[in-house]
N, C-alpha and C. Protein backbone atom coordinates (compact mmCIF):
# COMPACT_ATOMS: atom_id res chain seq x y z
N MET A 1 132.00 119.96 116.34
CA MET A 1 131.97 120.77 116.14
C MET A 1 132.54 121.29 115.25
N ALA A 2 132.43 122.53 114.98
CA ALA A 2 133.53 123.04 113.59
C ALA A 2 133.61 124.75 114.33
N LEU A 3 134.56 125.30 113.55
CA LEU A 3 135.11 126.98 114.54
C LEU A 3 134.57 127.40 113.47
N THR A 4 134.27 129.07 114.38
CA THR A 4 132.82 129.91 112.46
C THR A 4 134.01 131.25 112.75
N PHE A 5 134.20 131.20 111.28
CA PHE A 5 134.99 132.87 111.58
C PHE A 5 133.57 133.60 110.59
N VAL A 6 133.31 134.89 111.24
CA VAL A 6 133.00 136.16 110.81
C VAL A 6 133.65 136.73 110.96
N LEU A 7 133.66 137.21 109.23
CA LEU A 7 134.08 138.87 108.96
C LEU A 7 132.83 139.90 109.10
N LEU A 8 133.11 141.08 109.00
CA LEU A 8 132.53 142.24 109.97
C LEU A 8 133.57 143.36 109.39
N THR A 9 132.35 144.63 108.23
CA THR A 9 133.03 145.75 107.66
C THR A 9 131.67 146.26 107.36
N PRO A 10 131.95 148.11 108.06
CA PRO A 10 131.27 149.14 108.21
C PRO A 10 129.64 148.64 107.71
N GLU A 11 129.72 147.50 106.16
CA GLU A 11 128.82 147.17 106.17
C GLU A 11 127.82 146.46 106.45
N GLY A 12 128.28 145.49 108.15
CA GLY A 12 127.11 144.76 108.54
C GLY A 12 127.94 143.43 108.05
N GLU A 13 127.68 142.81 107.86
CA GLU A 13 128.58 140.91 108.09
C GLU A 13 128.82 139.69 106.82
N ALA A 14 129.83 140.28 106.87
CA ALA A 14 130.62 140.15 105.37
C ALA A 14 130.49 139.03 104.75
N LYS A 15 130.94 138.43 105.90
CA LYS A 15 131.50 136.17 105.50
C LYS A 15 130.87 136.37 106.29
N ARG A 16 130.71 135.00 106.30
CA ARG A 16 130.64 133.90 107.65
C ARG A 16 131.01 132.45 106.84
N LEU A 17 131.72 131.46 107.47
CA LEU A 17 131.86 129.88 107.46
C LEU A 17 132.81 129.68 108.51
N GLU A 18 131.74 128.41 108.82
CA GLU A 18 132.62 127.15 109.66
C GLU A 18 134.10 126.46 108.78
N CYS A 19 134.40 126.11 109.58
CA CYS A 19 135.83 125.57 108.43
C CYS A 19 136.37 125.40 110.83
N ASP A 20 138.12 124.48 110.01
CA ASP A 20 138.25 124.08 111.20
C ASP A 20 139.88 124.64 111.62
N SER A 21 140.23 126.00 111.21
CA SER A 21 141.48 127.05 111.54
C SER A 21 141.32 128.50 110.49
N VAL A 22 142.00 128.74 111.37
CA VAL A 22 141.74 130.18 110.50
C VAL A 22 143.48 131.06 110.70
N THR A 23 144.10 130.91 110.49
CA THR A 23 145.77 132.04 110.68
C THR A 23 145.32 133.60 110.30
N LEU A 24 145.60 134.27 110.87
CA LEU A 24 146.64 135.96 111.42
C LEU A 24 147.34 136.32 111.38
N GLU A 25 147.92 137.40 110.87
CA GLU A 25 148.74 138.62 111.23
C GLU A 25 148.31 139.39 111.59
N ALA A 26 148.88 139.53 113.49
CA ALA A 26 149.27 140.32 114.03
C ALA A 26 150.28 141.73 113.93
N ARG A 27 150.56 142.72 114.10
CA ARG A 27 150.83 144.11 114.21
C ARG A 27 151.35 144.14 115.02
N ASP A 28 152.55 144.45 116.12
CA ASP A 28 152.88 144.33 116.86
C ASP A 28 152.51 146.64 117.38
N ASN A 29 153.39 146.98 116.46
CA ASN A 29 153.44 149.05 117.24
C ASN A 29 152.18 149.61 116.45
N ASP A 30 152.61 150.64 116.55
CA ASP A 30 151.26 152.02 115.78
C ASP A 30 152.08 152.25 114.08
N MET A 31 152.46 151.79 113.63
CA MET A 31 153.43 151.31 111.75
C MET A 31 153.07 150.40 111.86
N GLY A 32 152.41 149.67 111.29
CA GLY A 32 151.35 148.14 112.07
C GLY A 32 152.67 147.61 111.13
N GLU A 33 153.98 147.77 112.31
CA GLU A 33 155.13 147.21 111.98
C GLU A 33 155.34 145.50 112.86
N GLY A 34 156.53 144.75 112.59
CA GLY A 34 156.08 143.71 114.03
C GLY A 34 155.38 142.78 113.76
N GLY A 35 155.17 142.26 114.94
CA GLY A 35 153.79 140.58 114.74
C GLY A 35 154.01 139.97 113.48
N GLY A 36 153.34 139.13 114.14
CA GLY A 36 153.64 137.38 113.36
C GLY A 36 152.39 136.50 113.18
N SER A 37 152.50 136.02 112.06
CA SER A 37 150.87 135.47 112.12
C SER A 37 150.98 134.55 113.50
N PHE A 38 149.33 133.49 113.81
CA PHE A 38 149.00 132.97 114.65
C PHE A 38 147.79 132.35 114.18
N GLY A 39 147.90 130.74 114.11
CA GLY A 39 146.22 129.99 113.80
C GLY A 39 145.94 129.94 114.90
N ILE A 40 144.62 129.48 114.50
CA ILE A 40 143.31 129.25 115.67
C ILE A 40 142.86 128.24 115.85
N ARG A 41 141.99 127.47 115.96
CA ARG A 41 141.42 126.25 116.13
C ARG A 41 140.40 126.35 116.98
N ARG A 42 139.23 124.55 116.98
CA ARG A 42 138.87 124.99 118.39
C ARG A 42 139.26 124.99 119.59
N GLY A 43 139.15 125.60 120.64
CA GLY A 43 138.87 125.75 121.89
C GLY A 43 140.78 126.67 122.44
N HIS A 44 140.12 127.08 121.47
CA HIS A 44 140.99 127.99 121.46
C HIS A 44 140.78 129.04 122.16
N LEU A 45 142.14 129.66 123.01
CA LEU A 45 141.04 130.55 125.11
C LEU A 45 141.02 132.43 124.19
N PRO A 46 139.70 133.36 124.81
CA PRO A 46 139.42 133.47 124.60
C PRO A 46 140.87 134.92 124.15
N LEU A 47 140.74 135.56 122.65
CA LEU A 47 141.54 136.38 122.68
C LEU A 47 141.40 138.75 121.81
N ILE A 48 141.80 139.97 121.70
CA ILE A 48 141.39 140.70 121.08
C ILE A 48 142.76 140.80 120.54
N ALA A 49 143.34 140.82 119.36
CA ALA A 49 144.53 141.80 118.91
C ALA A 49 144.20 142.77 117.28
N ALA A 50 144.68 143.60 117.30
CA ALA A 50 145.25 143.90 116.83
C ALA A 50 146.15 143.41 114.99
N LEU A 51 145.33 143.91 114.05
CA LEU A 51 145.29 143.13 112.67
C LEU A 51 147.00 143.52 111.61
N LYS A 52 147.36 142.89 111.40
CA LYS A 52 149.04 143.74 110.06
C LYS A 52 148.29 144.10 109.04
N PRO A 53 147.79 145.60 108.49
CA PRO A 53 147.48 146.37 107.08
C PRO A 53 147.53 146.42 106.16
N GLY A 54 146.95 145.33 105.06
CA GLY A 54 147.89 144.77 103.92
C GLY A 54 147.71 143.18 104.41
N SER A 55 147.38 142.34 105.04
CA SER A 55 147.80 141.34 106.03
C SER A 55 146.58 139.83 104.97
N GLU A 56 147.07 139.10 105.05
CA GLU A 56 145.82 137.70 104.84
C GLU A 56 145.39 137.43 105.18
N ALA A 57 144.25 137.28 105.94
CA ALA A 57 143.92 135.76 106.40
C ALA A 57 143.36 135.09 105.63
N LYS A 58 143.22 133.75 106.10
CA LYS A 58 143.15 131.67 105.49
C LYS A 58 142.41 130.97 105.77
N ILE A 59 140.93 130.67 106.37
CA ILE A 59 140.99 130.38 106.43
C ILE A 59 140.77 128.65 105.69
N SER A 60 140.59 128.40 106.19
CA SER A 60 140.87 126.47 105.93
C SER A 60 139.99 125.52 106.81
N SER A 61 139.88 124.42 106.10
CA SER A 61 139.17 122.72 106.52
C SER A 61 139.28 122.17 105.06
N GLY A 62 139.24 121.27 106.53
CA GLY A 62 140.08 119.63 105.33
C GLY A 62 140.67 119.67 105.22
N GLY A 63 141.86 120.74 106.24
CA GLY A 63 142.92 120.30 105.93
C GLY A 63 143.77 121.71 104.15
N ARG A 64 142.40 122.32 103.51
CA ARG A 64 142.45 122.98 102.92
C ARG A 64 142.25 124.76 103.08
N VAL A 65 142.82 125.29 101.92
CA VAL A 65 141.92 126.26 102.04
C VAL A 65 141.13 126.72 101.87
N ILE A 66 140.27 127.35 102.36
CA ILE A 66 138.58 127.66 101.73
C ILE A 66 138.38 128.85 101.65
N ALA A 67 138.89 130.69 101.71
CA ALA A 67 139.12 131.56 101.96
C ALA A 67 140.43 131.73 101.69
N SER A 68 141.00 132.80 101.29
CA SER A 68 141.60 133.96 101.60
C SER A 68 141.52 135.83 101.10
N LEU A 69 141.53 136.04 102.04
CA LEU A 69 140.69 137.86 102.50
C LEU A 69 142.22 138.10 102.57
N LYS A 70 142.38 139.68 101.83
CA LYS A 70 143.65 140.26 102.72
C LYS A 70 142.46 141.27 102.84
N ILE A 71 142.71 141.49 104.44
CA ILE A 71 143.02 142.62 105.24
C ILE A 71 143.25 143.81 105.20
N SER A 72 142.41 145.35 105.56
CA SER A 72 143.61 146.45 105.69
C SER A 72 143.78 147.28 106.52
N ASP A 73 142.76 146.61 107.88
CA ASP A 73 143.13 147.02 109.19
C ASP A 73 142.04 146.23 109.94
N GLY A 74 142.43 146.24 111.25
CA GLY A 74 141.71 145.56 111.64
C GLY A 74 142.45 144.58 113.12
N PHE A 75 140.95 143.93 113.55
CA PHE A 75 141.39 143.60 114.53
C PHE A 75 139.80 142.11 114.55
N ALA A 76 141.21 141.62 115.46
CA ALA A 76 140.32 139.62 115.63
C ALA A 76 139.79 139.90 116.19
N SER A 77 138.90 139.22 117.33
CA SER A 77 138.44 138.68 118.45
C SER A 77 138.36 137.29 118.38
N VAL A 78 138.77 136.63 120.09
CA VAL A 78 138.23 134.80 119.74
C VAL A 78 137.20 134.57 121.21
N LYS A 79 136.48 133.80 120.65
CA LYS A 79 134.99 133.61 121.83
C LYS A 79 134.74 132.63 121.45
N ASN A 80 134.17 131.39 122.13
CA ASN A 80 133.44 129.89 122.10
C ASN A 80 133.62 130.01 121.16
N ASP A 81 134.49 129.40 120.11
CA ASP A 81 134.10 128.94 118.49
C ASP A 81 134.14 129.76 117.58
N THR A 82 134.51 131.16 117.93
CA THR A 82 133.69 131.53 117.10
C THR A 82 135.41 133.29 116.23
N VAL A 83 134.84 133.14 115.48
CA VAL A 83 136.45 134.26 115.57
C VAL A 83 135.94 135.63 114.78
N THR A 84 136.33 136.36 114.94
CA THR A 84 135.56 137.11 114.38
C THR A 84 136.44 138.72 113.79
N VAL A 85 136.82 139.00 112.50
CA VAL A 85 137.72 139.95 112.58
C VAL A 85 136.38 141.37 111.93
N ILE A 86 137.48 142.39 112.61
CA ILE A 86 136.51 143.34 112.02
C ILE A 86 137.26 144.86 111.10
N CYS A 87 137.01 145.16 110.83
CA CYS A 87 137.67 145.32 109.91
C CYS A 87 137.21 147.15 108.38
N GLY A 88 137.68 147.78 108.91
CA GLY A 88 137.87 148.58 107.25
C GLY A 88 137.36 148.41 106.12
N ARG A 89 137.74 147.21 104.67
CA ARG A 89 137.52 146.73 104.30
C ARG A 89 138.06 145.10 103.91
N ALA A 90 138.16 144.22 103.27
CA ALA A 90 138.09 143.01 103.02
C ALA A 90 138.16 142.79 101.54
N GLU A 91 139.73 142.27 101.18
CA GLU A 91 139.07 141.78 99.31
C GLU A 91 139.84 140.57 99.42
N ASP A 92 138.34 139.20 98.37
CA ASP A 92 138.40 138.23 98.85
C ASP A 92 139.60 138.24 97.61
N ILE A 93 140.94 137.86 97.66
CA ILE A 93 142.40 136.69 97.10
C ILE A 93 141.71 135.51 96.39
N GLY A 94 140.99 134.43 96.60
CA GLY A 94 140.72 132.92 96.43
C GLY A 94 141.25 132.28 98.00
N PRO A 95 141.01 131.53 97.30
CA PRO A 95 141.38 129.78 98.75
C PRO A 95 143.06 129.66 98.60
């Protein structure tokens, strides 16, 4: 069973991918400073995290990056092997 990545924007579901891992960047404060990157794989504990504005989300499968997205700002939720990113805007910047 794979991990599912779902990207939601104000327009609706923008992307849905099956993958092995997702790497995101969290923020520590209201200014979007601090934080660091973290990885999510199948079996990860439930989590909600604020994402660093302008950060990159990397979605990987089979040992290679299959999608890279620049996230304007937003939140990530992890539950039941599904990673959901909710953001105002996301730009596909390639694999």
